[in-house]
Amino acid sequence: MKNSFCTALLASTALTILASAGVSLAGEPTPAPGTTRYLVERTFPAGALDGVDAAAKKKVNANNSTLNVTWEKSYANANKTKTYCVYDAPSEAAVREAAKLNGLPVDSLIAIPSDLKAEPRGAIQEIGKGQHRYLVKRTGAANVKGDGDARFGVSLLTSYATKDRSTSFWVYGAPSFSAVESAAKASGSPFESIVEIPETLYPN
């Protein structure tokens, strides 16, 4: 009984911590051992993703599962013409084959096994009132000083990087583009691009 109580207490505490960090859980499948995380950038015609419903997601997930590929989430711009999709898969080839099965374009594909600020698999990012979400891409050493982000009202939600951390992707909540740009400049680490990504597609 004591052990059960302690386990429940720890679980409750963990969920409270995640909630305070703006994160909740979506109940996504756990990736299989031996897989690597990948980021796929895609471009779609306007309106192409408007019909993505539960049935379409079920078909995509079924096709992915034949290749041991797990769709984690997709960030998207406001009109859903540009997406940044996060997957777990045994190889780059498996991700590309899954895209073919699902009829999805692949602009670029990169392995991002390193978590600079990790979040649980299946996490849903909650964006605070008056906040927007941005994806900042950096190339070069990811030596980012984030201690000044709060001055600009910016908070880091999660980040991904290549194995050698030469390319990294940082997801921020911020009140405006200029705020996240100012914080990025103050971080001391050069950035390649900043894209607003207000939309998210989840597999369930």
C-alpha atoms as a PDB file:
ATOM      1  CA  MET A   1       0.000   0.000   0.000  1.00  0.00           C
ATOM      2  CA  LYS A   2       2.818   2.404   0.917  1.00  0.00           C
ATOM      3  CA  ASN A   3       4.634   1.685  -2.364  1.00  0.00           C
ATOM      4  CA  SER A   4       1.450   2.247  -4.358  1.00  0.00           C
ATOM      5  CA  PHE A   5       0.889   5.561  -2.609  1.00  0.00           C
ATOM      6  CA  CYS A   6       4.458   6.686  -3.313  1.00  0.00           C
ATOM      7  CA  THR A   7       4.165   5.709  -6.967  1.00  0.00           C
ATOM      8  CA  ALA A   8       0.932   7.642  -7.334  1.00  0.00           C
ATOM      9  CA  LEU A   9       2.436  10.643  -5.568  1.00  0.00           C
ATOM     10  CA  LEU A  10       5.484  10.648  -7.852  1.00  0.00           C
ATOM     11  CA  ALA A  11       3.301  10.376 -10.951  1.00  0.00           C
ATOM     12  CA  SER A  12       1.123  13.233  -9.759  1.00  0.00           C
ATOM     13  CA  THR A  13       4.178  15.367  -9.034  1.00  0.00           C
ATOM     14  CA  ALA A  14       5.646  14.657 -12.487  1.00  0.00           C
ATOM     15  CA  LEU A  15       2.412  15.695 -14.211  1.00  0.00           C
ATOM     16  CA  THR A  16       2.271  18.864 -12.116  1.00  0.00           C
ATOM     17  CA  ILE A  17       5.811  19.766 -13.168  1.00  0.00           C
ATOM     18  CA  LEU A  18       4.977  19.164 -16.832  1.00  0.00           C
ATOM     19  CA  ALA A  19       1.847  21.273 -16.576  1.00  0.00           C
ATOM     20  CA  SER A  20       3.754  24.148 -14.981  1.00  0.00           C
ATOM     21  CA  ALA A  21       6.196  23.991 -17.900  1.00  0.00           C
ATOM     22  CA  GLY A  22       3.379  24.331 -20.440  1.00  0.00           C
ATOM     23  CA  VAL A  23       3.391  20.670 -21.405  1.00  0.00           C
ATOM     24  CA  SER A  24       0.669  18.001 -21.333  1.00  0.00           C
ATOM     25  CA  LEU A  25       0.588  14.485 -22.726  1.00  0.00           C
ATOM     26  CA  ALA A  26      -1.169  13.387 -25.912  1.00  0.00           C
ATOM     27  CA  GLY A  27      -1.004   9.638 -25.358  1.00  0.00           C
ATOM     28  CA  GLU A  28       1.106   8.941 -28.418  1.00  0.00           C
ATOM     29  CA  PRO A  29       2.757   5.531 -28.903  1.00  0.00           C
ATOM     30  CA  THR A  30       6.198   4.995 -27.416  1.00  0.00           C
ATOM     31  CA  PRO A  31       8.897   4.746 -30.107  1.00  0.00           C
ATOM     32  CA  ALA A  32      10.511   1.348 -30.547  1.00  0.00           C
ATOM     33  CA  PRO A  33      14.071   0.788 -29.267  1.00  0.00           C
ATOM     34  CA  GLY A  34      16.789   1.409 -31.826  1.00  0.00           C
ATOM     35  CA  THR A  35      15.028   4.320 -33.516  1.00  0.00           C
ATOM     36  CA  THR A  36      16.267   7.865 -34.098  1.00  0.00           C
ATOM     37  CA  ARG A  37      14.349  11.116 -34.156  1.00  0.00           C
ATOM     38  CA  TYR A  38      14.064  12.941 -37.497  1.00  0.00           C
ATOM     39  CA  LEU A  39      12.768  16.319 -38.624  1.00  0.00           C
ATOM     40  CA  VAL A  40      11.103  16.481 -42.046  1.00  0.00           C
ATOM     41  CA  GLU A  41      10.397  19.833 -43.693  1.00  0.00           C
ATOM     42  CA  ARG A  42       7.500  19.873 -46.170  1.00  0.00           C
ATOM     43  CA  THR A  43       5.724  22.365 -48.428  1.00  0.00           C
ATOM     44  CA  PHE A  44       2.048  21.955 -49.366  1.00  0.00           C
ATOM     45  CA  PRO A  45      -0.364  23.838 -51.632  1.00  0.00           C
ATOM     46  CA  ALA A  46      -2.792  26.066 -49.734  1.00  0.00           C
ATOM     47  CA  GLY A  47      -5.692  24.007 -48.360  1.00  0.00           C
ATOM     48  CA  ALA A  48      -4.013  20.626 -48.876  1.00  0.00           C
ATOM     49  CA  LEU A  49      -4.036  19.829 -45.149  1.00  0.00           C
ATOM     50  CA  ASP A  50      -7.547  21.114 -44.406  1.00  0.00           C
ATOM     51  CA  GLY A  51      -9.029  17.633 -44.789  1.00  0.00           C
ATOM     52  CA  VAL A  52      -6.668  15.859 -42.375  1.00  0.00           C
ATOM     53  CA  ASP A  53      -9.111  14.148 -40.008  1.00  0.00           C
ATOM     54  CA  ALA A  54      -9.025  11.123 -37.700  1.00  0.00           C
ATOM     55  CA  ALA A  55      -9.493   8.692 -40.614  1.00  0.00           C
ATOM     56  CA  ALA A  56      -6.598  10.222 -42.567  1.00  0.00           C
ATOM     57  CA  LYS A  57      -4.351  10.120 -39.496  1.00  0.00           C
ATOM     58  CA  LYS A  58      -5.277   6.473 -38.882  1.00  0.00           C
ATOM     59  CA  LYS A  59      -4.216   5.571 -42.421  1.00  0.00           C
ATOM     60  CA  VAL A  60      -0.948   7.486 -42.091  1.00  0.00           C
ATOM     61  CA  ASN A  61      -0.177   5.795 -38.767  1.00  0.00           C
ATOM     62  CA  ALA A  62      -0.961   2.359 -40.228  1.00  0.00           C
ATOM     63  CA  ASN A  63       1.390   2.934 -43.162  1.00  0.00           C
ATOM     64  CA  ASN A  64       4.094   4.249 -40.834  1.00  0.00           C
ATOM     65  CA  SER A  65       3.824   1.229 -38.554  1.00  0.00           C
ATOM     66  CA  THR A  66       4.746  -1.141 -41.401  1.00  0.00           C
ATOM     67  CA  LEU A  67       8.163   0.545 -41.430  1.00  0.00           C
ATOM     68  CA  ASN A  68       8.511   0.971 -37.654  1.00  0.00           C
ATOM     69  CA  VAL A  69       8.093   4.734 -38.084  1.00  0.00           C
ATOM     70  CA  THR A  70       6.322   6.775 -35.393  1.00  0.00           C
ATOM     71  CA  TRP A  71       4.864  10.212 -36.148  1.00  0.00           C
ATOM     72  CA  GLU A  72       5.302  12.388 -33.064  1.00  0.00           C
ATOM     73  CA  LYS A  73       3.947  15.772 -34.167  1.00  0.00           C
ATOM     74  CA  SER A  74       4.030  18.335 -36.967  1.00  0.00           C
ATOM     75  CA  TYR A  75       4.534  22.053 -36.471  1.00  0.00           C
ATOM     76  CA  ALA A  76       2.955  24.245 -39.151  1.00  0.00           C
ATOM     77  CA  ASN A  77       2.718  27.858 -40.232  1.00  0.00           C
ATOM     78  CA  ALA A  78      -0.636  29.655 -40.027  1.00  0.00           C
ATOM     79  CA  ASN A  79      -1.979  28.554 -43.428  1.00  0.00           C
ATOM     80  CA  LYS A  80      -0.454  25.055 -43.131  1.00  0.00           C
ATOM     81  CA  THR A  81       1.587  25.348 -46.296  1.00  0.00           C
ATOM     82  CA  LYS A  82       4.840  24.656 -44.451  1.00  0.00           C
ATOM     83  CA  THR A  83       5.268  21.874 -41.903  1.00  0.00           C
ATOM     84  CA  TYR A  84       8.104  20.618 -39.716  1.00  0.00           C
ATOM     85  CA  CYS A  85       7.318  17.002 -38.834  1.00  0.00           C
ATOM     86  CA  VAL A  86       8.989  15.080 -36.014  1.00  0.00           C
ATOM     87  CA  TYR A  87       9.345  11.303 -36.363  1.00  0.00           C
ATOM     88  CA  ASP A  88      11.049   8.372 -34.703  1.00  0.00           C
ATOM     89  CA  ALA A  89      12.330   5.797 -37.182  1.00  0.00           C
ATOM     90  CA  PRO A  90      15.022   3.137 -37.640  1.00  0.00           C
ATOM     91  CA  SER A  91      16.601   5.045 -40.563  1.00  0.00           C
ATOM     92  CA  GLU A  92      16.306   7.969 -42.949  1.00  0.00           C
ATOM     93  CA  ALA A  93      15.305   5.501 -45.663  1.00  0.00           C
ATOM     94  CA  ALA A  94      12.345   4.349 -43.551  1.00  0.00           C
ATOM     95  CA  VAL A  95      11.127   7.940 -43.131  1.00  0.00           C
ATOM     96  CA  ARG A  96      11.382   8.545 -46.877  1.00  0.00           C
ATOM     97  CA  GLU A  97       9.560   5.300 -47.675  1.00  0.00           C
ATOM     98  CA  ALA A  98       6.790   6.196 -45.215  1.00  0.00           C
ATOM     99  CA  ALA A  99       6.426   9.550 -46.962  1.00  0.00           C
ATOM    100  CA  LYS A 100       6.012   7.738 -50.302  1.00  0.00           C
ATOM    101  CA  LEU A 101       3.382   5.404 -48.870  1.00  0.00           C
ATOM    102  CA  ASN A 102       1.437   8.405 -47.561  1.00  0.00           C
ATOM    103  CA  GLY A 103       1.927  10.568 -50.651  1.00  0.00           C
ATOM    104  CA  LEU A 104       3.752  13.259 -48.687  1.00  0.00           C
ATOM    105  CA  PRO A 105       6.474  15.566 -50.028  1.00  0.00           C
ATOM    106  CA  VAL A 106       9.938  15.786 -48.450  1.00  0.00           C
ATOM    107  CA  ASP A 107      11.776  19.101 -48.857  1.00  0.00           C
ATOM    108  CA  SER A 108      14.522  18.165 -46.410  1.00  0.00           C
ATOM    109  CA  LEU A 109      15.168  15.482 -43.821  1.00  0.00           C
ATOM    110  CA  ILE A 110      17.639  15.586 -40.936  1.00  0.00           C
ATOM    111  CA  ALA A 111      18.367  13.311 -37.972  1.00  0.00           C
ATOM    112  CA  ILE A 112      17.894  15.130 -34.647  1.00  0.00           C
ATOM    113  CA  PRO A 113      18.792  12.582 -31.950  1.00  0.00           C
ATOM    114  CA  SER A 114      20.016  15.149 -29.407  1.00  0.00           C
ATOM    115  CA  ASP A 115      17.625  16.871 -26.987  1.00  0.00           C
ATOM    116  CA  LEU A 116      19.002  20.219 -25.829  1.00  0.00           C
ATOM    117  CA  LYS A 117      15.840  20.760 -23.818  1.00  0.00           C
ATOM    118  CA  ALA A 118      13.921  17.519 -23.800  1.00  0.00           C
ATOM    119  CA  GLU A 119      10.170  17.073 -23.566  1.00  0.00           C
ATOM    120  CA  PRO A 120       8.336  13.765 -23.134  1.00  0.00           C
ATOM    121  CA  ARG A 121       7.275  11.876 -26.255  1.00  0.00           C
ATOM    122  CA  GLY A 122       3.627  12.682 -26.806  1.00  0.00           C
ATOM    123  CA  ALA A 123       3.869  16.128 -25.176  1.00  0.00           C
ATOM    124  CA  ILE A 124       1.389  18.805 -26.221  1.00  0.00           C
ATOM    125  CA  GLN A 125       2.786  22.323 -25.998  1.00  0.00           C
ATOM    126  CA  GLU A 126       0.405  24.792 -24.398  1.00  0.00           C
ATOM    127  CA  ILE A 127       0.970  28.354 -25.609  1.00  0.00           C
ATOM    128  CA  GLY A 128       0.215  31.026 -23.011  1.00  0.00           C
ATOM    129  CA  LYS A 129      -2.234  33.862 -23.591  1.00  0.00           C
ATOM    130  CA  GLY A 130      -0.686  36.607 -25.688  1.00  0.00           C
ATOM    131  CA  GLN A 131       2.112  34.276 -26.774  1.00  0.00           C
ATOM    132  CA  HIS A 132       3.036  32.917 -30.193  1.00  0.00           C
ATOM    133  CA  ARG A 133       5.264  29.982 -31.082  1.00  0.00           C
ATOM    134  CA  TYR A 134       8.393  30.183 -33.210  1.00  0.00           C
ATOM    135  CA  LEU A 135      10.949  27.771 -34.617  1.00  0.00           C
ATOM    136  CA  VAL A 136      14.516  29.091 -34.640  1.00  0.00           C
ATOM    137  CA  LYS A 137      17.078  27.212 -36.727  1.00  0.00           C
ATOM    138  CA  ARG A 138      20.744  27.547 -35.805  1.00  0.00           C
ATOM    139  CA  THR A 139      23.856  26.245 -37.509  1.00  0.00           C
ATOM    140  CA  GLY A 140      27.202  25.939 -35.817  1.00  0.00           C
ATOM    141  CA  ALA A 141      27.907  25.118 -32.171  1.00  0.00           C
ATOM    142  CA  ALA A 142      24.703  25.338 -30.126  1.00  0.00           C
ATOM    143  CA  ASN A 143      26.245  27.410 -27.343  1.00  0.00           C
ATOM    144  CA  VAL A 144      23.118  29.397 -26.569  1.00  0.00           C
ATOM    145  CA  LYS A 145      22.891  31.692 -23.562  1.00  0.00           C
ATOM    146  CA  GLY A 146      19.213  31.735 -22.713  1.00  0.00           C
ATOM    147  CA  ASP A 147      19.435  33.501 -19.369  1.00  0.00           C
ATOM    148  CA  GLY A 148      18.260  36.755 -20.973  1.00  0.00           C
ATOM    149  CA  ASP A 149      15.175  35.329 -22.716  1.00  0.00           C
ATOM    150  CA  ALA A 150      12.863  36.460 -19.921  1.00  0.00           C
ATOM    151  CA  ARG A 151      13.775  40.099 -20.612  1.00  0.00           C
ATOM    152  CA  PHE A 152      11.985  39.772 -23.929  1.00  0.00           C
ATOM    153  CA  GLY A 153       9.097  37.651 -22.630  1.00  0.00           C
ATOM    154  CA  VAL A 154      10.533  34.602 -24.421  1.00  0.00           C
ATOM    155  CA  SER A 155      10.520  31.029 -23.086  1.00  0.00           C
ATOM    156  CA  LEU A 156      12.120  27.901 -24.536  1.00  0.00           C
ATOM    157  CA  LEU A 157       9.612  25.071 -24.992  1.00  0.00           C
ATOM    158  CA  THR A 158      11.850  22.394 -26.476  1.00  0.00           C
ATOM    159  CA  SER A 159      14.794  21.961 -28.827  1.00  0.00           C
ATOM    160  CA  TYR A 160      16.295  19.347 -31.133  1.00  0.00           C
ATOM    161  CA  ALA A 161      19.773  18.927 -32.600  1.00  0.00           C
ATOM    162  CA  THR A 162      21.902  16.756 -34.829  1.00  0.00           C
ATOM    163  CA  LYS A 163      24.249  14.298 -33.139  1.00  0.00           C
ATOM    164  CA  ASP A 164      27.209  16.675 -33.380  1.00  0.00           C
ATOM    165  CA  ARG A 165      24.913  19.632 -32.523  1.00  0.00           C
ATOM    166  CA  SER A 166      26.065  21.510 -35.610  1.00  0.00           C
ATOM    167  CA  THR A 167      22.439  22.124 -36.593  1.00  0.00           C
ATOM    168  CA  SER A 168      19.730  22.746 -34.017  1.00  0.00           C
ATOM    169  CA  PHE A 169      16.061  23.700 -33.889  1.00  0.00           C
ATOM    170  CA  TRP A 170      14.638  25.681 -30.964  1.00  0.00           C
ATOM    171  CA  VAL A 171      10.920  26.055 -30.254  1.00  0.00           C
ATOM    172  CA  TYR A 172      10.039  29.199 -28.312  1.00  0.00           C
ATOM    173  CA  GLY A 173       6.968  30.900 -26.932  1.00  0.00           C
ATOM    174  CA  ALA A 174       7.170  34.675 -27.393  1.00  0.00           C
ATOM    175  CA  PRO A 175       4.878  37.721 -27.595  1.00  0.00           C
ATOM    176  CA  SER A 176       6.082  38.676 -31.086  1.00  0.00           C
ATOM    177  CA  PHE A 177       8.551  37.955 -33.878  1.00  0.00           C
ATOM    178  CA  SER A 178      10.677  40.934 -32.822  1.00  0.00           C
ATOM    179  CA  ALA A 179      10.842  39.606 -29.253  1.00  0.00           C
ATOM    180  CA  VAL A 180      12.146  36.175 -30.251  1.00  0.00           C
ATOM    181  CA  GLU A 181      14.510  37.798 -32.763  1.00  0.00           C
ATOM    182  CA  SER A 182      15.910  40.100 -30.059  1.00  0.00           C
ATOM    183  CA  ALA A 183      16.328  37.164 -27.671  1.00  0.00           C
ATOM    184  CA  ALA A 184      18.026  35.122 -30.394  1.00  0.00           C
ATOM    185  CA  LYS A 185      20.476  37.930 -31.094  1.00  0.00           C
ATOM    186  CA  ALA A 186      21.190  38.364 -27.371  1.00  0.00           C
ATOM    187  CA  SER A 187      21.835  34.628 -26.963  1.00  0.00           C
ATOM    188  CA  GLY A 188      25.287  34.935 -28.480  1.00  0.00           C
ATOM    189  CA  SER A 189      24.587  32.132 -30.967  1.00  0.00           C
ATOM    190  CA  PRO A 190      23.946  32.931 -34.665  1.00  0.00           C
ATOM    191  CA  PHE A 191      20.623  31.856 -36.132  1.00  0.00           C
ATOM    192  CA  GLU A 192      19.724  30.979 -39.694  1.00  0.00           C
ATOM    193  CA  SER A 193      15.973  31.497 -39.681  1.00  0.00           C
ATOM    194  CA  ILE A 194      12.927  32.228 -37.525  1.00  0.00           C
ATOM    195  CA  VAL A 195       9.496  30.896 -38.531  1.00  0.00           C
ATOM    196  CA  GLU A 196       6.190  31.331 -36.729  1.00  0.00           C
ATOM    197  CA  ILE A 197       4.546  27.924 -36.181  1.00  0.00           C
ATOM    198  CA  PRO A 198       1.140  28.512 -34.530  1.00  0.00           C
ATOM    199  CA  GLU A 199      -0.404  25.245 -35.713  1.00  0.00           C
ATOM    200  CA  THR A 200       0.315  21.693 -34.565  1.00  0.00           C
ATOM    201  CA  LEU A 201      -0.851  18.390 -36.040  1.00  0.00           C
ATOM    202  CA  TYR A 202      -0.782  15.323 -33.798  1.00  0.00           C
ATOM    203  CA  PRO A 203      -1.177  11.679 -34.853  1.00  0.00           C
ATOM    204  CA  ASN A 204      -4.246  11.101 -32.664  1.00  0.00           C
END
